[in-house]
N, C-alpha and C. Protein backbone atom coordinates (compact mmCIF):
# COMPACT_ATOMS: atom_id res chain seq x y z
N LEU A 1 0.84 -1.17 0.00
CA LEU A 1 0.00 0.00 0.00
C LEU A 1 0.89 1.23 0.00
N ALA A 2 0.53 2.23 -0.80
CA ALA A 2 1.23 3.51 -0.82
C ALA A 2 0.23 4.61 -0.46
N SER A 3 0.70 5.60 0.30
CA SER A 3 -0.17 6.72 0.66
C SER A 3 0.56 8.04 0.47
N GLY A 4 -0.21 9.06 0.13
CA GLY A 4 0.30 10.42 0.05
C GLY A 4 -0.37 11.23 1.14
N SER A 5 0.30 12.29 1.61
CA SER A 5 -0.19 12.97 2.79
C SER A 5 -0.07 14.48 2.70
N TYR A 6 -0.84 15.16 3.54
CA TYR A 6 -0.75 16.60 3.67
C TYR A 6 0.60 17.02 4.26
N ASP A 7 1.32 16.09 4.89
CA ASP A 7 2.63 16.43 5.46
C ASP A 7 3.75 16.36 4.41
N ARG A 8 3.37 16.23 3.12
CA ARG A 8 4.28 16.27 1.97
C ARG A 8 5.05 14.96 1.74
N THR A 9 4.67 13.91 2.43
CA THR A 9 5.38 12.64 2.29
C THR A 9 4.55 11.61 1.52
N ILE A 10 5.27 10.61 1.05
CA ILE A 10 4.67 9.40 0.50
C ILE A 10 5.21 8.26 1.35
N ARG A 11 4.36 7.33 1.70
CA ARG A 11 4.80 6.20 2.52
C ARG A 11 4.36 4.89 1.90
N LEU A 12 5.24 3.90 2.00
CA LEU A 12 4.89 2.52 1.66
C LEU A 12 4.62 1.79 2.97
N TRP A 13 3.55 1.02 2.99
CA TRP A 13 3.09 0.39 4.22
C TRP A 13 3.13 -1.13 4.14
N ASP A 14 3.47 -1.75 5.25
CA ASP A 14 3.29 -3.18 5.45
C ASP A 14 1.89 -3.32 6.04
N VAL A 15 0.95 -3.78 5.23
CA VAL A 15 -0.45 -3.82 5.64
C VAL A 15 -0.67 -4.80 6.79
N GLU A 16 0.03 -5.93 6.79
CA GLU A 16 -0.15 -6.92 7.85
C GLU A 16 0.30 -6.40 9.20
N LYS A 17 1.40 -5.66 9.23
CA LYS A 17 1.95 -5.14 10.49
C LYS A 17 1.44 -3.75 10.82
N GLY A 18 0.88 -3.06 9.82
CA GLY A 18 0.40 -1.70 10.05
C GLY A 18 1.51 -0.69 10.24
N LEU A 19 2.68 -0.98 9.65
CA LEU A 19 3.85 -0.12 9.82
C LEU A 19 4.32 0.45 8.49
N ALA A 20 4.81 1.69 8.54
CA ALA A 20 5.41 2.30 7.35
C ALA A 20 6.78 1.66 7.13
N MET A 21 7.02 1.19 5.91
CA MET A 21 8.28 0.54 5.57
C MET A 21 9.28 1.52 4.96
N ARG A 22 8.79 2.52 4.26
CA ARG A 22 9.66 3.47 3.57
C ARG A 22 8.92 4.79 3.44
N GLU A 23 9.70 5.88 3.49
CA GLU A 23 9.14 7.22 3.33
C GLU A 23 9.88 7.92 2.20
N PHE A 24 9.13 8.55 1.31
CA PHE A 24 9.70 9.30 0.19
C PHE A 24 9.56 10.79 0.49
N LEU A 25 10.67 11.50 0.44
CA LEU A 25 10.70 12.93 0.74
C LEU A 25 11.13 13.71 -0.49
N GLY A 26 10.50 14.85 -0.73
CA GLY A 26 10.88 15.69 -1.86
C GLY A 26 9.81 16.70 -2.23
N HIS A 27 8.54 16.33 -2.09
CA HIS A 27 7.48 17.28 -2.39
C HIS A 27 7.50 18.41 -1.36
N THR A 28 7.11 19.61 -1.81
CA THR A 28 7.12 20.77 -0.92
C THR A 28 5.72 21.23 -0.53
N ASP A 29 4.71 20.45 -0.91
CA ASP A 29 3.33 20.71 -0.51
C ASP A 29 2.61 19.37 -0.45
N ARG A 30 1.36 19.38 -0.04
CA ARG A 30 0.61 18.12 0.17
C ARG A 30 0.61 17.23 -1.08
N VAL A 31 0.66 15.95 -0.85
CA VAL A 31 0.64 14.95 -1.92
C VAL A 31 -0.79 14.45 -2.06
N MET A 32 -1.35 14.63 -3.26
CA MET A 32 -2.76 14.34 -3.48
C MET A 32 -3.04 13.01 -4.16
N SER A 33 -2.04 12.45 -4.85
CA SER A 33 -2.29 11.22 -5.61
C SER A 33 -1.01 10.39 -5.70
N VAL A 34 -1.14 9.09 -5.51
CA VAL A 34 -0.02 8.17 -5.69
C VAL A 34 -0.51 6.92 -6.42
N ARG A 35 0.33 6.37 -7.28
CA ARG A 35 0.00 5.16 -8.03
C ARG A 35 1.26 4.33 -8.24
N PHE A 36 1.13 3.02 -8.07
CA PHE A 36 2.22 2.11 -8.42
C PHE A 36 2.28 1.95 -9.93
N SER A 37 3.49 1.77 -10.46
CA SER A 37 3.64 1.44 -11.87
C SER A 37 3.09 0.04 -12.11
N PRO A 38 2.75 -0.30 -13.35
CA PRO A 38 2.20 -1.62 -13.63
C PRO A 38 3.09 -2.78 -13.14
N ASP A 39 4.41 -2.61 -13.17
CA ASP A 39 5.29 -3.68 -12.70
C ASP A 39 5.62 -3.58 -11.21
N GLY A 40 5.12 -2.54 -10.54
CA GLY A 40 5.31 -2.40 -9.10
C GLY A 40 6.67 -1.86 -8.67
N SER A 41 7.51 -1.49 -9.61
CA SER A 41 8.87 -1.06 -9.26
C SER A 41 8.99 0.44 -8.98
N ARG A 42 7.96 1.21 -9.36
CA ARG A 42 8.01 2.66 -9.20
C ARG A 42 6.69 3.17 -8.62
N VAL A 43 6.78 4.34 -8.00
CA VAL A 43 5.59 5.02 -7.52
C VAL A 43 5.54 6.39 -8.19
N LEU A 44 4.37 6.76 -8.66
CA LEU A 44 4.11 8.05 -9.28
C LEU A 44 3.34 8.89 -8.28
N SER A 45 3.71 10.17 -8.12
CA SER A 45 3.01 11.03 -7.18
C SER A 45 2.71 12.38 -7.80
N GLY A 46 1.59 12.95 -7.37
CA GLY A 46 1.20 14.29 -7.78
C GLY A 46 0.92 15.13 -6.56
N SER A 47 1.32 16.41 -6.60
CA SER A 47 1.26 17.24 -5.41
C SER A 47 0.75 18.65 -5.70
N TYR A 48 0.32 19.32 -4.66
CA TYR A 48 -0.04 20.73 -4.74
C TYR A 48 1.18 21.60 -5.00
N ASP A 49 2.39 21.04 -4.93
CA ASP A 49 3.59 21.82 -5.27
C ASP A 49 3.77 21.96 -6.79
N ARG A 50 2.76 21.47 -7.55
CA ARG A 50 2.71 21.57 -9.01
C ARG A 50 3.69 20.63 -9.70
N SER A 51 4.05 19.55 -9.04
CA SER A 51 4.97 18.59 -9.65
C SER A 51 4.39 17.18 -9.65
N VAL A 52 4.90 16.40 -10.60
CA VAL A 52 4.67 14.96 -10.67
C VAL A 52 6.04 14.33 -10.53
N ARG A 53 6.14 13.34 -9.66
CA ARG A 53 7.44 12.71 -9.42
C ARG A 53 7.33 11.20 -9.55
N VAL A 54 8.45 10.61 -9.99
CA VAL A 54 8.56 9.16 -10.10
C VAL A 54 9.62 8.71 -9.10
N TRP A 55 9.28 7.69 -8.31
CA TRP A 55 10.15 7.20 -7.25
C TRP A 55 10.47 5.73 -7.45
N ASP A 56 11.67 5.33 -7.09
CA ASP A 56 12.06 3.93 -7.09
C ASP A 56 11.58 3.29 -5.79
N VAL A 57 10.77 2.25 -5.88
CA VAL A 57 10.19 1.61 -4.70
C VAL A 57 11.27 1.01 -3.80
N HIS A 58 12.27 0.40 -4.39
CA HIS A 58 13.27 -0.35 -3.60
C HIS A 58 14.26 0.56 -2.90
N SER A 59 14.72 1.61 -3.57
CA SER A 59 15.73 2.49 -2.97
C SER A 59 15.12 3.73 -2.31
N GLY A 60 13.90 4.10 -2.71
CA GLY A 60 13.28 5.30 -2.19
C GLY A 60 13.75 6.59 -2.85
N THR A 61 14.57 6.47 -3.88
CA THR A 61 15.11 7.67 -4.52
C THR A 61 14.15 8.22 -5.58
N GLU A 62 14.21 9.53 -5.75
CA GLU A 62 13.44 10.20 -6.78
C GLU A 62 14.12 9.98 -8.12
N MET A 63 13.39 9.43 -9.07
CA MET A 63 13.94 9.14 -10.40
C MET A 63 13.68 10.27 -11.39
N LEU A 64 12.58 10.99 -11.21
CA LEU A 64 12.17 12.01 -12.17
C LEU A 64 11.27 13.02 -11.48
N ASN A 65 11.45 14.31 -11.82
CA ASN A 65 10.60 15.38 -11.30
C ASN A 65 10.08 16.17 -12.50
N LEU A 66 8.78 16.10 -12.72
CA LEU A 66 8.13 16.84 -13.80
C LEU A 66 7.43 18.04 -13.16
N ASP A 67 8.05 19.21 -13.26
CA ASP A 67 7.55 20.37 -12.51
C ASP A 67 7.00 21.49 -13.39
N GLY A 68 6.46 21.16 -14.54
CA GLY A 68 5.97 22.19 -15.45
C GLY A 68 4.49 22.52 -15.36
N HIS A 69 3.80 22.03 -14.35
CA HIS A 69 2.36 22.27 -14.24
C HIS A 69 2.06 23.71 -13.83
N MET A 70 0.96 24.22 -14.31
CA MET A 70 0.54 25.59 -13.99
C MET A 70 -0.27 25.66 -12.69
N GLY A 71 -0.71 24.52 -12.20
CA GLY A 71 -1.50 24.48 -10.97
C GLY A 71 -1.25 23.20 -10.22
N GLU A 72 -1.99 23.03 -9.14
CA GLU A 72 -1.85 21.85 -8.30
C GLU A 72 -2.15 20.58 -9.09
N VAL A 73 -1.44 19.51 -8.78
CA VAL A 73 -1.67 18.21 -9.42
C VAL A 73 -2.52 17.39 -8.46
N LYS A 74 -3.72 17.06 -8.91
CA LYS A 74 -4.67 16.37 -8.04
C LYS A 74 -4.83 14.89 -8.38
N GLY A 75 -4.30 14.46 -9.53
CA GLY A 75 -4.42 13.06 -9.91
C GLY A 75 -3.33 12.66 -10.87
N VAL A 76 -2.89 11.41 -10.75
CA VAL A 76 -1.86 10.86 -11.63
C VAL A 76 -2.23 9.42 -11.99
N CYS A 77 -1.73 8.97 -13.15
CA CYS A 77 -2.00 7.60 -13.59
C CYS A 77 -0.92 7.16 -14.57
N TRP A 78 -0.60 5.88 -14.56
CA TRP A 78 0.33 5.26 -15.50
C TRP A 78 -0.42 4.73 -16.70
N SER A 79 0.23 4.67 -17.85
CA SER A 79 -0.31 3.92 -18.98
C SER A 79 -0.15 2.44 -18.66
N ALA A 80 -0.89 1.60 -19.36
CA ALA A 80 -0.84 0.15 -19.09
C ALA A 80 0.53 -0.45 -19.26
N ASP A 81 1.35 0.12 -20.17
CA ASP A 81 2.69 -0.40 -20.40
C ASP A 81 3.74 0.24 -19.49
N GLY A 82 3.35 1.22 -18.67
CA GLY A 82 4.28 1.86 -17.74
C GLY A 82 5.25 2.83 -18.38
N LYS A 83 5.03 3.18 -19.63
CA LYS A 83 5.96 4.07 -20.34
C LYS A 83 5.52 5.54 -20.33
N ARG A 84 4.26 5.79 -19.98
CA ARG A 84 3.74 7.15 -19.98
C ARG A 84 2.97 7.40 -18.69
N VAL A 85 2.87 8.69 -18.35
CA VAL A 85 2.06 9.07 -17.20
C VAL A 85 1.11 10.18 -17.63
N VAL A 86 0.00 10.28 -16.90
CA VAL A 86 -0.99 11.32 -17.13
C VAL A 86 -1.22 12.01 -15.80
N SER A 87 -1.37 13.33 -15.85
CA SER A 87 -1.67 14.07 -14.61
C SER A 87 -2.77 15.08 -14.88
């Protein structure tokens, strides 16, 4: 499970234990949308900081920052093949 929060973080959760396993830091405003890539190796996030970011699930590192939006990003989605994103 992945969650985005008003505290600007993204967290990966161990659902059975109810514990956060990893935290992704980088957004500068609330995170409104998160989605796993089709293969589960990346997380896509959209934020009120007007950016869309791609994160590596295993290392927690930011792979890509798309910061050209004119307003808040309220939703994100992967294409079925994982090669494109929509925000």
